Amino acid sequence: MAQRRAPSAAVIGPARVDRRTKDLIPRLRPGDVAVIDHEDLDRVAAEGLVESGIVAVVNAAQSISGRYPNVGPLLVAAAGIALVDGVGGEIMTSIREGDVVRVEGDRVVVRNSWIVTGQRQTIATLEEQFQAARDIMGGELERFAENTLDYMRRERHLFLDAPVLPDLDVPIAGRHVLLVVRGPGYREDLAALRQGGYMRDLRPILIGVDGGADALLEMGCQPDVIIGDFDSVSERALRSGAELVVHAYPGGEAPGADRLRGLGLAHAVFESAGTSEDIAMLLAHERGAELIVAVGTHSSMVEFLEKGRSGMASTFLVRLRVGPILVDAKGVNRLYQRGVRTFDLLLLSAAALFALLVVTAVSQPARLFLRNLWTLLGG
């Protein structure tokens, strides 16, 4: 993690440039300067930037626009990473990959020439903007609710109709399904499920939604199914042996299919409205899963706004449909208690017997006691 520094202190590093923050993060190395165009920097992207060890973020857009209170910029500033906001879109072509960039206060200097000026953010300025966004949240909430109701009228078939399911070889019926989205808290939830014994003892079917497949691989787990539009999943995950299901939108548009065809990978298609995590839940439910355990899925208005969605009709309808078998990973971790196995009891008994034999071998009073006991019992 970057060291804290004074807000006006100059920082220098090689530039890494990409309009899509999630595509940039895997290329970042400690000491880099990330040049992005990301309005309302979301939490997951911010966590990725912080973990990469960069020294500065230069954002063409506003990291917090004020539409809603997003914590991503605060995470970046709290890590001591210099953050310069609102420098304008021309920065994306003015800075080349690998250029040495110096951030001095609110100025961005490249090749020893001043390029642009933005707003050098601090925790204080960001907290002020965050609070202002919270104060006007009511209007955004009203628009979000209206959009949700409008979408519900158009997408109600998600709840009423039986979807046309893709063919899968993975046997889901009667099994637990662990559905992983690379959303807020996914690492902690996955680690807790592994450490608590849930994944080892129940061996759930593992479904990764786009980048959720890489999250599983990072934890040393092999995904059984990967579903999504495949814009944020690595080729390593795609070639991991999992069954691949492309999310096609109503009308048949399936941008992820082009990538898989280019890689020569077989895949099925699932056409449905809504988000990829919605249709992953539908797939598990309709294939007869006993329980769906969700990791990193989105449910709050802020999380949906961070994903760029103006409503949550599909998610609301799908959760109504799968609700009886859907639980959050945090709840499973708290409720799941691994029973004591017979092997564990045998191991404990053997250890106790071994300790008794050792004590008897080295202790004369213990040997005398056992000899007398043997005589008393008529041995």
Protein backbone atom coordinates (compact mmCIF):
# COMPACT_ATOMS: atom_id res chain seq x y z
CA MET A 1 0.00 0.00 0.00
CA ALA A 2 1.20 3.49 -0.80
CA GLN A 3 2.69 5.54 2.02
CA ARG A 4 0.83 8.61 3.24
CA ARG A 5 2.16 11.91 1.94
CA ALA A 6 1.22 15.56 2.18
CA PRO A 7 -1.55 16.48 -0.32
CA SER A 8 0.74 18.96 -2.11
CA ALA A 9 3.80 16.67 -2.26
CA ALA A 10 5.01 15.82 -5.76
CA VAL A 11 4.92 12.20 -6.86
CA ILE A 12 6.57 10.69 -9.93
CA GLY A 13 5.97 7.43 -11.76
CA PRO A 14 5.44 5.79 -15.15
CA ALA A 15 1.95 6.21 -16.61
CA ARG A 16 -0.46 3.35 -17.21
CA VAL A 17 -3.38 4.53 -19.32
CA ASP A 18 -6.81 2.98 -19.92
CA ARG A 19 -10.37 4.25 -20.10
CA ARG A 20 -11.60 1.06 -18.41
CA THR A 21 -10.26 0.90 -14.88
CA LYS A 22 -10.92 -2.82 -14.53
CA ASP A 23 -8.78 -3.49 -17.61
CA LEU A 24 -6.02 -1.25 -16.29
CA ILE A 25 -5.73 -2.74 -12.79
CA PRO A 26 -4.08 -6.04 -13.85
CA ARG A 27 -1.31 -4.05 -15.62
CA LEU A 28 -0.50 -1.79 -12.68
CA ARG A 29 2.71 -2.19 -10.69
CA PRO A 30 3.92 -0.50 -7.49
CA GLY A 31 5.07 3.06 -8.20
CA ASP A 32 2.88 3.55 -11.30
CA VAL A 33 0.59 6.49 -12.02
CA ALA A 34 -2.87 5.32 -13.11
CA VAL A 35 -4.50 7.51 -15.77
CA ILE A 36 -8.22 6.76 -15.96
CA ASP A 37 -11.53 8.16 -17.15
CA HIS A 38 -13.87 6.92 -14.42
CA GLU A 39 -16.73 9.05 -13.17
CA ASP A 40 -17.94 8.06 -9.69
CA LEU A 41 -15.07 5.71 -8.90
CA ASP A 42 -16.63 2.62 -7.35
CA ARG A 43 -15.43 0.71 -4.34
CA VAL A 44 -14.23 -2.44 -6.12
CA ALA A 45 -12.19 -0.44 -8.64
CA ALA A 46 -10.74 1.70 -5.85
CA GLU A 47 -9.72 -1.37 -3.87
CA GLY A 48 -7.95 -2.72 -6.96
CA LEU A 49 -6.07 0.56 -7.42
CA VAL A 50 -5.00 0.64 -3.78
CA GLU A 51 -3.83 -2.98 -3.76
CA SER A 52 -1.67 -2.42 -6.84
CA GLY A 53 0.64 -0.06 -4.91
CA ILE A 54 0.38 2.91 -7.30
CA VAL A 55 1.48 6.37 -6.18
CA ALA A 56 -1.11 8.51 -7.99
CA VAL A 57 -4.40 8.49 -9.87
CA VAL A 58 -5.07 11.06 -12.60
CA ASN A 59 -8.76 10.97 -13.48
CA ALA A 60 -10.15 12.64 -16.59
CA ALA A 61 -13.59 12.60 -14.95
CA GLN A 62 -14.84 13.41 -11.45
CA SER A 63 -14.18 10.58 -9.01
CA ILE A 64 -17.27 11.68 -7.12
CA SER A 65 -19.82 13.54 -9.24
CA GLY A 66 -22.29 14.17 -6.42
CA ARG A 67 -25.12 12.02 -7.82
CA TYR A 68 -24.74 9.57 -4.95
CA PRO A 69 -22.26 8.97 -2.09
CA ASN A 70 -19.56 6.61 -3.43
CA VAL A 71 -16.71 5.62 -1.13
CA GLY A 72 -14.15 4.68 -3.82
CA PRO A 73 -12.30 8.03 -3.88
CA LEU A 74 -12.11 8.08 -0.08
CA LEU A 75 -10.41 4.67 -0.10
CA VAL A 76 -7.81 5.95 -2.56
CA ALA A 77 -7.10 9.10 -0.54
CA ALA A 78 -7.02 7.21 2.76
CA ALA A 79 -4.29 4.96 1.29
CA GLY A 80 -2.09 8.02 0.72
CA ILE A 81 -2.40 7.88 -3.07
CA ALA A 82 -2.36 11.26 -4.82
CA LEU A 83 -5.69 11.83 -6.59
CA VAL A 84 -6.15 14.54 -9.20
CA ASP A 85 -9.71 14.81 -10.50
CA GLY A 86 -11.46 16.33 -13.50
CA VAL A 87 -8.44 16.97 -15.72
CA GLY A 88 -10.47 16.46 -18.93
CA GLY A 89 -10.70 13.78 -21.58
CA GLU A 90 -7.72 15.01 -23.61
CA ILE A 91 -5.41 13.54 -20.98
CA MET A 92 -6.21 10.06 -22.32
CA THR A 93 -4.38 10.85 -25.56
CA SER A 94 -1.87 13.39 -24.24
CA ILE A 95 -0.18 10.82 -22.00
CA ARG A 96 1.32 7.71 -23.57
CA GLU A 97 1.81 4.40 -21.85
CA GLY A 98 5.10 4.49 -19.94
CA ASP A 99 5.51 8.28 -19.95
CA VAL A 100 7.09 9.60 -16.77
CA VAL A 101 4.39 11.63 -15.01
CA ARG A 102 4.92 14.08 -12.17
CA VAL A 103 1.95 15.17 -10.10
CA GLU A 104 2.59 18.46 -8.35
CA GLY A 105 -0.35 19.68 -6.33
CA ASP A 106 -3.17 20.01 -8.87
CA ARG A 107 -0.85 19.99 -11.90
CA VAL A 108 0.10 17.04 -14.08
CA VAL A 109 3.53 17.31 -15.73
CA VAL A 110 4.64 14.94 -18.51
CA ARG A 111 8.06 14.91 -20.19
CA ASN A 112 8.92 18.00 -18.11
CA SER A 113 6.06 19.97 -19.69
CA TRP A 114 2.88 21.02 -17.93
CA ILE A 115 -0.09 19.23 -19.47
CA VAL A 116 -3.28 19.77 -17.45
CA THR A 117 -4.64 21.01 -14.15
CA GLY A 118 -7.32 19.34 -12.08
CA GLN A 119 -8.47 19.23 -8.48
CA ARG A 120 -6.04 17.64 -6.04
CA GLN A 121 -8.34 15.77 -3.73
CA THR A 122 -7.79 15.23 -0.02
CA ILE A 123 -9.76 13.26 2.53
CA ALA A 124 -11.28 16.57 3.69
CA THR A 125 -12.45 17.64 0.21
CA LEU A 126 -13.79 14.19 -0.56
CA GLU A 127 -15.67 13.95 2.75
CA GLU A 128 -17.30 17.28 1.97
CA GLN A 129 -18.40 16.05 -1.47
CA PHE A 130 -19.52 12.72 -0.02
CA GLN A 131 -21.73 14.45 2.54
CA ALA A 132 -23.17 16.78 -0.12
CA ALA A 133 -24.08 13.73 -2.21
CA ARG A 134 -25.82 12.15 0.78
CA ASP A 135 -27.82 15.32 1.33
CA ILE A 136 -29.31 15.23 -2.19
CA MET A 137 -29.82 11.47 -2.26
CA GLY A 138 -33.59 11.82 -2.14
CA GLY A 139 -33.92 12.99 -5.74
CA GLU A 140 -31.69 10.20 -7.04
CA LEU A 141 -33.65 7.66 -4.99
CA GLU A 142 -36.93 8.88 -6.50
CA ARG A 143 -35.58 8.54 -10.06
CA PHE A 144 -34.16 5.12 -9.24
CA ALA A 145 -37.52 3.93 -7.89
CA GLU A 146 -39.40 5.25 -10.93
CA ASN A 147 -36.99 3.49 -13.30
CA THR A 148 -37.29 0.28 -11.31
CA LEU A 149 -41.10 0.31 -11.57
CA ASP A 150 -40.91 1.08 -15.28
CA TYR A 151 -38.48 -1.79 -15.90
CA MET A 152 -40.62 -4.14 -13.80
CA ARG A 153 -43.55 -3.62 -16.15
CA ARG A 154 -41.34 -4.52 -19.10
CA GLU A 155 -39.31 -7.32 -17.46
CA ARG A 156 -42.00 -9.07 -15.42
CA HIS A 157 -41.55 -12.20 -17.56
CA LEU A 158 -38.41 -12.86 -15.49
CA PHE A 159 -40.73 -13.72 -12.62
CA LEU A 160 -43.71 -15.14 -14.50
CA ASP A 161 -42.25 -17.13 -17.41
CA ALA A 162 -40.09 -20.23 -17.46
CA PRO A 163 -36.75 -19.31 -19.08
CA VAL A 164 -35.19 -21.30 -21.91
CA LEU A 165 -32.17 -22.80 -20.18
CA PRO A 166 -28.83 -23.69 -21.77
CA ASP A 167 -27.67 -27.30 -21.63
CA LEU A 168 -25.08 -28.01 -18.92
CA ASP A 169 -23.12 -31.11 -18.00
CA VAL A 170 -22.60 -29.94 -14.40
CA PRO A 171 -25.18 -31.67 -12.13
CA ILE A 172 -26.79 -28.83 -10.16
CA ALA A 173 -30.03 -30.50 -9.01
CA GLY A 174 -30.08 -31.13 -5.25
CA ARG A 175 -26.69 -29.43 -4.71
CA HIS A 176 -25.60 -26.22 -3.06
CA VAL A 177 -24.46 -23.56 -5.53
CA LEU A 178 -21.87 -20.96 -4.54
CA LEU A 179 -22.37 -18.00 -6.87
CA VAL A 180 -19.45 -15.56 -6.90
CA VAL A 181 -19.51 -11.98 -8.20
CA ARG A 182 -16.45 -9.78 -7.87
CA GLY A 183 -18.39 -7.26 -5.81
CA PRO A 184 -18.01 -5.62 -2.38
CA GLY A 185 -16.42 -7.88 0.23
CA TYR A 186 -16.03 -10.89 -2.06
CA ARG A 187 -12.52 -11.78 -0.85
CA GLU A 188 -13.46 -11.74 2.82
CA ASP A 189 -16.60 -13.80 2.23
CA LEU A 190 -14.81 -16.43 0.16
CA ALA A 191 -12.01 -16.71 2.71
CA ALA A 192 -14.51 -17.10 5.53
CA LEU A 193 -16.40 -19.86 3.72
CA ARG A 194 -13.18 -21.76 3.08
CA GLN A 195 -11.83 -21.37 6.59
CA GLY A 196 -15.19 -22.24 8.14
CA GLY A 197 -15.24 -25.56 6.30
CA TYR A 198 -18.38 -24.93 4.25
CA MET A 199 -16.69 -25.34 0.87
CA ARG A 200 -14.74 -28.41 1.89
CA ASP A 201 -17.58 -30.26 3.58
CA LEU A 202 -20.50 -29.49 1.25
CA ARG A 203 -18.51 -29.13 -1.99
CA PRO A 204 -20.95 -26.72 -3.66
CA ILE A 205 -21.15 -26.18 -7.41
CA LEU A 206 -19.00 -23.09 -8.08
CA ILE A 207 -20.42 -20.52 -10.51
CA GLY A 208 -18.32 -17.46 -11.34
CA VAL A 209 -20.07 -14.44 -12.81
CA ASP A 210 -17.52 -12.83 -15.15
CA GLY A 211 -14.61 -11.72 -12.91
CA GLY A 212 -16.01 -13.89 -10.12
CA ALA A 213 -14.34 -16.81 -11.90
CA ASP A 214 -10.94 -15.17 -11.36
CA ALA A 215 -11.88 -14.55 -7.73
CA LEU A 216 -12.40 -18.30 -7.31
CA LEU A 217 -9.08 -19.10 -8.98
CA GLU A 218 -7.32 -16.61 -6.70
CA MET A 219 -8.63 -18.64 -3.75
CA GLY A 220 -7.37 -21.88 -5.28
CA CYS A 221 -10.86 -23.03 -6.33
CA GLN A 222 -11.84 -24.39 -9.74
CA PRO A 223 -15.05 -22.84 -11.13
CA ASP A 224 -17.56 -25.30 -12.56
CA VAL A 225 -19.49 -22.74 -14.60
CA ILE A 226 -18.65 -19.21 -15.79
CA ILE A 227 -21.52 -17.02 -16.91
CA GLY A 228 -21.60 -13.42 -18.14
CA ASP A 229 -20.69 -11.19 -21.06
CA PHE A 230 -16.97 -12.06 -20.57
CA ASP A 231 -15.67 -8.50 -20.63
CA SER A 232 -13.89 -8.78 -17.28
CA VAL A 233 -12.75 -12.40 -17.02
CA SER A 234 -9.22 -13.56 -17.79
CA GLU A 235 -8.28 -16.02 -20.51
CA ARG A 236 -6.79 -18.19 -17.78
CA ALA A 237 -10.26 -18.54 -16.24
CA LEU A 238 -11.86 -19.19 -19.62
CA ARG A 239 -9.42 -22.04 -20.23
CA SER A 240 -9.78 -23.47 -16.71
CA GLY A 241 -12.15 -26.22 -17.84
CA ALA A 242 -15.36 -24.58 -16.60
CA GLU A 243 -18.50 -24.69 -18.71
CA LEU A 244 -19.03 -21.29 -20.35
CA VAL A 245 -22.45 -19.62 -20.65
CA VAL A 246 -22.73 -16.35 -22.56
CA HIS A 247 -25.29 -13.82 -21.36
CA ALA A 248 -27.29 -12.76 -24.43
CA TYR A 249 -29.62 -9.79 -24.21
CA PRO A 250 -33.21 -9.82 -25.52
CA GLY A 251 -32.99 -9.89 -29.29
CA GLY A 252 -29.96 -12.17 -29.30
CA GLU A 253 -27.08 -9.70 -28.90
CA ALA A 254 -24.26 -11.59 -27.16
CA PRO A 255 -20.99 -9.64 -27.28
CA GLY A 256 -19.18 -12.21 -25.17
CA ALA A 257 -19.70 -14.88 -27.80
CA ASP A 258 -17.34 -13.14 -30.22
CA ARG A 259 -14.49 -13.35 -27.74
CA LEU A 260 -15.08 -17.04 -27.05
CA ARG A 261 -15.30 -17.88 -30.75
CA GLY A 262 -12.03 -16.03 -31.27
CA LEU A 263 -10.42 -18.20 -28.60
CA GLY A 264 -11.95 -21.36 -30.05
CA LEU A 265 -13.89 -22.11 -26.86
CA ALA A 266 -17.20 -23.97 -26.82
CA HIS A 267 -20.03 -22.21 -25.02
CA ALA A 268 -23.77 -22.13 -24.42
CA VAL A 269 -26.01 -19.06 -24.63
CA PHE A 270 -28.63 -17.86 -22.14
CA GLU A 271 -30.83 -15.08 -23.48
CA SER A 272 -32.47 -12.95 -20.81
CA ALA A 273 -32.90 -9.39 -19.61
CA GLY A 274 -31.26 -8.26 -16.41
CA THR A 275 -27.71 -8.51 -15.13
CA SER A 276 -25.41 -11.48 -15.50
CA GLU A 277 -25.68 -12.23 -11.78
CA ASP A 278 -29.48 -12.25 -12.13
CA ILE A 279 -29.45 -14.88 -14.86
CA ALA A 280 -26.83 -16.92 -12.99
CA MET A 281 -29.28 -17.14 -10.08
CA LEU A 282 -32.09 -18.06 -12.46
CA LEU A 283 -29.96 -20.78 -14.01
CA ALA A 284 -29.10 -22.32 -10.63
CA HIS A 285 -32.70 -22.09 -9.43
CA GLU A 286 -34.27 -23.59 -12.55
CA ARG A 287 -31.69 -26.39 -12.60
CA GLY A 288 -32.88 -27.49 -9.15
CA ALA A 289 -30.23 -26.15 -6.78
CA GLU A 290 -31.00 -26.90 -3.14
CA LEU A 291 -29.42 -23.64 -1.95
CA ILE A 292 -27.78 -20.63 -3.66
CA VAL A 293 -25.08 -18.96 -1.59
CA ALA A 294 -24.26 -15.52 -2.98
CA VAL A 295 -20.84 -13.89 -2.68
CA GLY A 296 -20.25 -10.26 -3.70
CA THR A 297 -23.66 -9.76 -5.33
CA HIS A 298 -25.21 -6.31 -5.57
CA SER A 299 -28.36 -5.38 -3.71
CA SER A 300 -28.26 -1.75 -2.57
CA MET A 301 -29.14 1.30 -4.67
CA VAL A 302 -25.61 2.70 -4.38
CA GLU A 303 -24.11 -0.58 -5.60
CA PHE A 304 -26.42 -0.52 -8.63
CA LEU A 305 -25.58 3.09 -9.39
CA GLU A 306 -21.89 2.19 -9.17
CA LYS A 307 -22.56 -0.49 -11.81
CA GLY A 308 -24.11 2.17 -14.02
CA ARG A 309 -27.68 0.88 -13.72
CA SER A 310 -30.57 3.28 -13.23
CA GLY A 311 -32.92 0.68 -11.72
CA MET A 312 -32.98 -2.80 -10.21
CA ALA A 313 -36.19 -4.32 -11.58
CA SER A 314 -34.61 -7.52 -12.87
CA THR A 315 -32.74 -8.10 -9.63
CA PHE A 316 -35.88 -7.49 -7.58
CA LEU A 317 -37.94 -9.88 -9.71
CA VAL A 318 -35.30 -12.59 -9.81
CA ARG A 319 -34.81 -12.47 -6.05
CA LEU A 320 -38.57 -12.86 -5.61
CA ARG A 321 -38.38 -15.97 -7.76
CA VAL A 322 -35.33 -17.60 -6.16
CA GLY A 323 -35.81 -16.12 -2.69
CA PRO A 324 -36.63 -19.34 -0.76
CA ILE A 325 -33.24 -20.86 -1.62
CA LEU A 326 -31.07 -17.72 -1.76
CA VAL A 327 -28.82 -16.74 1.14
CA ASP A 328 -25.91 -14.34 1.51
CA ALA A 329 -22.48 -15.80 2.15
CA LYS A 330 -22.13 -13.84 5.40
CA GLY A 331 -25.20 -15.53 6.79
CA VAL A 332 -23.99 -18.98 5.79
CA ASN A 333 -20.63 -18.41 7.44
CA ARG A 334 -22.31 -17.39 10.71
CA LEU A 335 -24.84 -20.22 10.72
CA TYR A 336 -22.74 -23.06 9.33
CA GLN A 337 -21.16 -25.14 12.05
CA ARG A 338 -19.03 -28.04 10.94
CA GLY A 339 -19.87 -31.18 12.90
CA VAL A 340 -17.20 -33.23 14.65
CA ARG A 341 -16.18 -36.03 12.31
CA THR A 342 -15.53 -39.64 13.37
CA PHE A 343 -11.97 -39.37 12.08
CA ASP A 344 -11.36 -36.36 14.33
CA LEU A 345 -12.64 -38.29 17.39
CA LEU A 346 -10.43 -41.29 16.57
CA LEU A 347 -7.44 -39.02 16.14
CA LEU A 348 -8.12 -37.36 19.50
CA SER A 349 -8.50 -40.75 21.23
CA ALA A 350 -5.28 -42.04 19.72
CA ALA A 351 -3.42 -38.93 20.88
CA ALA A 352 -4.77 -39.35 24.42
CA LEU A 353 -3.77 -43.04 24.49
CA PHE A 354 -0.29 -42.22 23.23
CA ALA A 355 0.13 -39.58 25.95
CA LEU A 356 -0.94 -42.13 28.60
CA LEU A 357 1.57 -44.69 27.33
CA VAL A 358 4.38 -42.12 27.40
CA VAL A 359 3.55 -41.07 30.98
CA THR A 360 3.44 -44.72 32.07
CA ALA A 361 6.78 -45.49 30.45
CA VAL A 362 8.65 -42.69 32.22
CA SER A 363 6.85 -42.60 35.57
CA GLN A 364 7.54 -45.31 38.21
CA PRO A 365 4.50 -44.35 40.37
CA ALA A 366 2.28 -44.70 37.30
CA ARG A 367 3.71 -48.15 36.53
CA LEU A 368 3.20 -49.21 40.18
CA PHE A 369 -0.40 -47.96 40.10
CA LEU A 370 -1.19 -49.89 36.93
CA ARG A 371 0.47 -53.06 38.33
CA ASN A 372 -1.62 -52.88 41.50
CA LEU A 373 -4.76 -52.21 39.44
CA TRP A 374 -4.01 -55.25 37.31
CA THR A 375 -3.54 -57.45 40.39
CA LEU A 376 -6.76 -56.12 41.96
CA LEU A 377 -8.71 -56.98 38.80
CA GLY A 378 -7.34 -60.54 38.95
CA GLY A 379 -4.96 -60.21 36.01
